[in-house]
Protein backbone atom coordinates (compact mmCIF):
# COMPACT_ATOMS: atom_id res chain seq x y z
CA MET A 1 -9.56 4.13 -4.10
CA ASP A 2 -8.12 7.28 -2.81
CA TYR A 3 -5.22 8.09 -0.41
CA SER A 4 -7.61 8.44 2.49
CA SER A 5 -8.82 4.84 2.27
CA LEU A 6 -5.20 3.47 1.72
CA ALA A 7 -3.56 5.74 4.71
CA ASN A 8 -6.45 4.36 7.19
CA GLU A 9 -5.54 0.76 5.71
CA LEU A 10 -1.95 1.33 6.43
CA GLY A 11 -2.43 3.11 9.57
CA LEU A 12 -0.79 6.26 8.62
CA THR A 13 -2.02 9.85 7.76
CA GLU A 14 -2.66 10.91 4.30
CA ASP A 15 0.54 13.13 4.71
CA GLU A 16 2.70 10.27 5.63
CA VAL A 17 1.67 8.26 2.61
CA LYS A 18 2.45 11.01 0.39
CA GLU A 19 5.57 11.49 2.08
CA MET A 20 6.70 7.73 1.47
CA GLY A 21 6.27 8.85 -2.13
CA LEU A 22 3.71 5.87 -2.62
CA HIS A 23 1.66 6.73 -5.55
CA LEU A 24 -1.51 4.60 -6.75
CA ASP A 25 0.47 3.34 -9.64
CA ASP A 26 3.10 1.90 -7.23
CA ILE A 27 0.48 -0.63 -6.16
CA PHE A 28 -0.10 -3.96 -7.81
CA GLN A 29 -2.55 -6.79 -7.82
CA GLU A 30 -0.76 -10.17 -6.86
CA ASN A 31 -1.27 -13.03 -9.51
CA SER A 32 -2.36 -16.71 -8.31
CA SER A 33 -0.04 -19.48 -9.24
CA SER A 34 -1.95 -19.68 -12.52
CA GLY A 35 -0.98 -16.29 -13.20
CA THR A 36 -4.54 -14.91 -12.91
CA PRO A 37 -5.15 -11.94 -10.82
CA SER A 38 -5.88 -12.86 -7.04
CA GLY A 39 -7.73 -9.85 -5.77
CA ALA A 40 -5.08 -9.28 -3.59
CA TYR A 41 -2.72 -6.06 -3.73
CA TYR A 42 0.59 -5.03 -2.27
CA PHE A 43 3.33 -2.43 -2.76
CA ASN A 44 7.13 -2.42 -2.24
CA VAL A 45 8.08 0.24 0.45
CA PRO A 46 9.58 3.13 -1.54
CA ASP A 47 13.37 4.09 -1.12
CA GLY A 48 12.45 7.39 -0.14
CA THR A 49 10.18 6.23 3.01
CA PRO A 50 11.28 8.47 6.05
CA ASP A 51 12.80 6.65 8.83
CA ARG A 52 10.41 7.62 11.45
CA ILE A 53 7.47 5.73 9.10
CA LEU A 54 9.89 2.89 8.79
CA GLY A 55 10.08 2.66 12.59
CA LYS A 56 6.45 3.41 12.85
CA LYS A 57 5.43 0.44 10.97
CA GLY A 58 8.46 -1.72 11.46
CA TRP A 59 8.96 -1.82 7.60
CA SER A 60 12.19 -2.10 5.80
CA LEU A 61 12.97 -0.29 2.62
CA GLY A 62 11.68 -2.54 -0.59
CA GLU A 63 9.82 -4.66 1.80
CA ARG A 64 6.70 -6.04 0.23
CA VAL A 65 3.20 -5.00 2.13
CA LYS A 66 0.04 -6.30 1.37
CA ILE A 67 -3.09 -4.40 1.16
CA ASN A 68 -6.72 -5.58 1.74
CA SER A 69 -8.42 -5.67 -1.37
CA ASN A 70 -11.45 -3.81 0.08
CA VAL A 71 -9.45 -0.49 -0.23
CA PHE A 72 -10.08 -1.09 -3.80
CA ASP A 73 -13.73 -1.79 -3.55
CA VAL A 74 -15.42 1.33 -4.69
CA SER A 75 -18.76 -0.51 -4.90
CA ASN A 76 -19.30 -0.11 -1.00
CA LYS A 77 -18.88 3.40 -0.99
């Protein structure tokens, strides 16, 4: 997974993802109700996200945003 794939998934440019202060270690794998990893991923919108990006995406600071697990599938590249 790289910033290009993440930016494409989010409908943002790579520069916008970097402006948000979103780092790969800020992305987490969701757990199922039994506590095992579910394969789905998410991040919480960082506090430093510029207002123009919040408006563009309709996000709020701290909001949980799900990410398609295919972004992390390096086997199809």
